[in-house]
Amino acid sequence: IYEPGLQAVVESVRGKNLFFSTNIDEAILEADLIFISVNTPTKMTGMGAGRAANIKNCELCARKIAEIATSNKIVVEKSTVPVRTADAVKRVLASASPF
């Protein structure tokens, strides 16, 4: 990833208010704010095949958050997902979480 100045910004806040982890369940439990930033490849089958983005990975993240979270979370999607992805994430979170 090349983003001018990014390394300096990350280094200045890492471990203070920016954390990275491979322990997904623990990170969900501890986080107040969760970014969903996953690959959204082009759909290969079904309606929109070859043109539309596949948001399955976003929905899978939302399911995991709903499964693990024991308190309210702010969930943010990356800006390059298709319009209405937030609605899909919201539906998944609402249907699977008591919060």
C-alpha atoms as a PDB file:
ATOM      1  CA  ILE A   1       0.000   0.000   0.000  1.00  0.00           C
ATOM      2  CA  TYR A   2       1.371   3.386  -0.940  1.00  0.00           C
ATOM      3  CA  GLU A   3      -0.156   6.358   0.764  1.00  0.00           C
ATOM      4  CA  PRO A   4       2.163   9.309   1.414  1.00  0.00           C
ATOM      5  CA  GLY A   5       2.474   9.956   5.164  1.00  0.00           C
ATOM      6  CA  LEU A   6       0.462   6.875   6.165  1.00  0.00           C
ATOM      7  CA  GLN A   7       3.322   5.098   7.910  1.00  0.00           C
ATOM      8  CA  ALA A   8       4.046   8.094  10.139  1.00  0.00           C
ATOM      9  CA  VAL A   9       0.384   8.442  11.090  1.00  0.00           C
ATOM     10  CA  VAL A  10       0.037   4.737  11.904  1.00  0.00           C
ATOM     11  CA  GLU A  11       3.246   4.705  13.928  1.00  0.00           C
ATOM     12  CA  SER A  12       2.120   7.732  15.957  1.00  0.00           C
ATOM     13  CA  VAL A  13      -1.184   6.148  17.064  1.00  0.00           C
ATOM     14  CA  ARG A  14      -0.543   2.393  16.939  1.00  0.00           C
ATOM     15  CA  GLY A  15      -1.062   0.878  20.364  1.00  0.00           C
ATOM     16  CA  LYS A  16      -2.765   4.034  21.637  1.00  0.00           C
ATOM     17  CA  ASN A  17      -6.059   4.233  19.813  1.00  0.00           C
ATOM     18  CA  LEU A  18      -5.306   2.129  16.717  1.00  0.00           C
ATOM     19  CA  PHE A  19      -4.902  -1.614  17.123  1.00  0.00           C
ATOM     20  CA  PHE A  20      -4.410  -4.525  14.747  1.00  0.00           C
ATOM     21  CA  SER A  21      -5.082  -8.136  15.644  1.00  0.00           C
ATOM     22  CA  THR A  22      -5.466 -11.576  14.158  1.00  0.00           C
ATOM     23  CA  ASN A  23      -7.662 -12.614  17.105  1.00  0.00           C
ATOM     24  CA  ILE A  24     -10.951 -11.563  15.567  1.00  0.00           C
ATOM     25  CA  ASP A  25     -13.256 -12.566  18.418  1.00  0.00           C
ATOM     26  CA  GLU A  26     -11.204 -10.717  21.038  1.00  0.00           C
ATOM     27  CA  ALA A  27     -10.888  -7.654  18.815  1.00  0.00           C
ATOM     28  CA  ILE A  28     -14.664  -7.510  18.290  1.00  0.00           C
ATOM     29  CA  LEU A  29     -15.286  -7.760  22.025  1.00  0.00           C
ATOM     30  CA  GLU A  30     -12.803  -4.987  22.840  1.00  0.00           C
ATOM     31  CA  ALA A  31     -13.608  -2.581  20.002  1.00  0.00           C
ATOM     32  CA  ASP A  32     -15.934   0.382  20.104  1.00  0.00           C
ATOM     33  CA  LEU A  33     -15.536   0.971  16.362  1.00  0.00           C
ATOM     34  CA  ILE A  34     -15.100  -1.753  13.730  1.00  0.00           C
ATOM     35  CA  PHE A  35     -14.071  -1.126  10.119  1.00  0.00           C
ATOM     36  CA  ILE A  36     -15.211  -3.627   7.517  1.00  0.00           C
ATOM     37  CA  SER A  37     -12.601  -3.417   4.806  1.00  0.00           C
ATOM     38  CA  VAL A  38     -12.716  -6.559   2.685  1.00  0.00           C
ATOM     39  CA  ASN A  39     -12.422  -7.587  -0.928  1.00  0.00           C
ATOM     40  CA  THR A  40     -15.602  -7.134  -2.981  1.00  0.00           C
ATOM     41  CA  PRO A  41     -14.851  -9.013  -6.194  1.00  0.00           C
ATOM     42  CA  THR A  42     -17.067  -8.901  -9.257  1.00  0.00           C
ATOM     43  CA  LYS A  43     -19.938 -11.391  -9.099  1.00  0.00           C
ATOM     44  CA  MET A  44     -19.281 -14.406 -11.303  1.00  0.00           C
ATOM     45  CA  THR A  45     -22.797 -15.902 -11.224  1.00  0.00           C
ATOM     46  CA  GLY A  46     -26.397 -14.807 -10.829  1.00  0.00           C
ATOM     47  CA  MET A  47     -27.936 -11.408 -11.369  1.00  0.00           C
ATOM     48  CA  GLY A  48     -25.249  -8.845 -12.170  1.00  0.00           C
ATOM     49  CA  ALA A  49     -22.599 -11.443 -13.040  1.00  0.00           C
ATOM     50  CA  GLY A  50     -19.591  -9.790 -14.624  1.00  0.00           C
ATOM     51  CA  ARG A  51     -20.734  -6.300 -13.558  1.00  0.00           C
ATOM     52  CA  ALA A  52     -21.875  -6.102  -9.935  1.00  0.00           C
ATOM     53  CA  ALA A  53     -19.736  -6.411  -6.820  1.00  0.00           C
ATOM     54  CA  ASN A  54     -20.111  -9.466  -4.607  1.00  0.00           C
ATOM     55  CA  ILE A  55     -20.718  -8.161  -1.069  1.00  0.00           C
ATOM     56  CA  LYS A  56     -20.706 -11.622   0.526  1.00  0.00           C
ATOM     57  CA  ASN A  57     -17.519 -10.820   2.460  1.00  0.00           C
ATOM     58  CA  CYS A  58     -19.128  -7.710   3.981  1.00  0.00           C
ATOM     59  CA  GLU A  59     -22.135  -9.762   5.031  1.00  0.00           C
ATOM     60  CA  LEU A  60     -19.898 -12.466   6.531  1.00  0.00           C
ATOM     61  CA  CYS A  61     -18.108  -9.823   8.614  1.00  0.00           C
ATOM     62  CA  ALA A  62     -21.438  -8.478   9.846  1.00  0.00           C
ATOM     63  CA  ARG A  63     -22.520 -11.999  10.837  1.00  0.00           C
ATOM     64  CA  LYS A  64     -19.289 -12.488  12.794  1.00  0.00           C
ATOM     65  CA  ILE A  65     -19.707  -9.144  14.565  1.00  0.00           C
ATOM     66  CA  ALA A  66     -23.319  -9.988  15.485  1.00  0.00           C
ATOM     67  CA  GLU A  67     -22.281 -13.437  16.711  1.00  0.00           C
ATOM     68  CA  ILE A  68     -19.460 -12.206  18.970  1.00  0.00           C
ATOM     69  CA  ALA A  69     -20.425  -8.698  20.142  1.00  0.00           C
ATOM     70  CA  THR A  70     -21.788  -8.371  23.658  1.00  0.00           C
ATOM     71  CA  SER A  71     -22.311  -4.601  23.470  1.00  0.00           C
ATOM     72  CA  ASN A  72     -23.153  -1.941  20.894  1.00  0.00           C
ATOM     73  CA  LYS A  73     -20.532  -1.312  18.195  1.00  0.00           C
ATOM     74  CA  ILE A  74     -20.086   1.331  15.541  1.00  0.00           C
ATOM     75  CA  VAL A  75     -19.573  -0.543  12.261  1.00  0.00           C
ATOM     76  CA  VAL A  76     -18.044   1.322   9.326  1.00  0.00           C
ATOM     77  CA  GLU A  77     -17.772  -0.021   5.790  1.00  0.00           C
ATOM     78  CA  LYS A  78     -15.007   1.027   3.433  1.00  0.00           C
ATOM     79  CA  SER A  79     -15.953   3.699   0.934  1.00  0.00           C
ATOM     80  CA  THR A  80     -15.456   1.587  -2.190  1.00  0.00           C
ATOM     81  CA  VAL A  81     -18.311  -0.844  -1.646  1.00  0.00           C
ATOM     82  CA  PRO A  82     -21.469  -0.573  -3.760  1.00  0.00           C
ATOM     83  CA  VAL A  83     -24.365   1.681  -2.835  1.00  0.00           C
ATOM     84  CA  ARG A  84     -26.739   0.033  -0.336  1.00  0.00           C
ATOM     85  CA  THR A  85     -24.062  -2.253   1.131  1.00  0.00           C
ATOM     86  CA  ALA A  86     -24.667  -0.494   4.452  1.00  0.00           C
ATOM     87  CA  ASP A  87     -28.313  -1.571   4.242  1.00  0.00           C
ATOM     88  CA  ALA A  88     -27.254  -5.202   3.782  1.00  0.00           C
ATOM     89  CA  VAL A  89     -24.830  -4.987   6.711  1.00  0.00           C
ATOM     90  CA  LYS A  90     -27.508  -3.325   8.850  1.00  0.00           C
ATOM     91  CA  ARG A  91     -30.023  -6.082   8.030  1.00  0.00           C
ATOM     92  CA  VAL A  92     -27.532  -8.797   8.996  1.00  0.00           C
ATOM     93  CA  LEU A  93     -26.611  -7.057  12.255  1.00  0.00           C
ATOM     94  CA  ALA A  94     -30.260  -6.379  13.150  1.00  0.00           C
ATOM     95  CA  SER A  95     -31.396  -9.929  12.464  1.00  0.00           C
ATOM     96  CA  ALA A  96     -28.633 -11.641  14.419  1.00  0.00           C
ATOM     97  CA  SER A  97     -27.856  -9.337  17.324  1.00  0.00           C
ATOM     98  CA  PRO A  98     -29.825  -8.390  20.442  1.00  0.00           C
ATOM     99  CA  PHE A  99     -28.209  -4.925  20.458  1.00  0.00           C
END
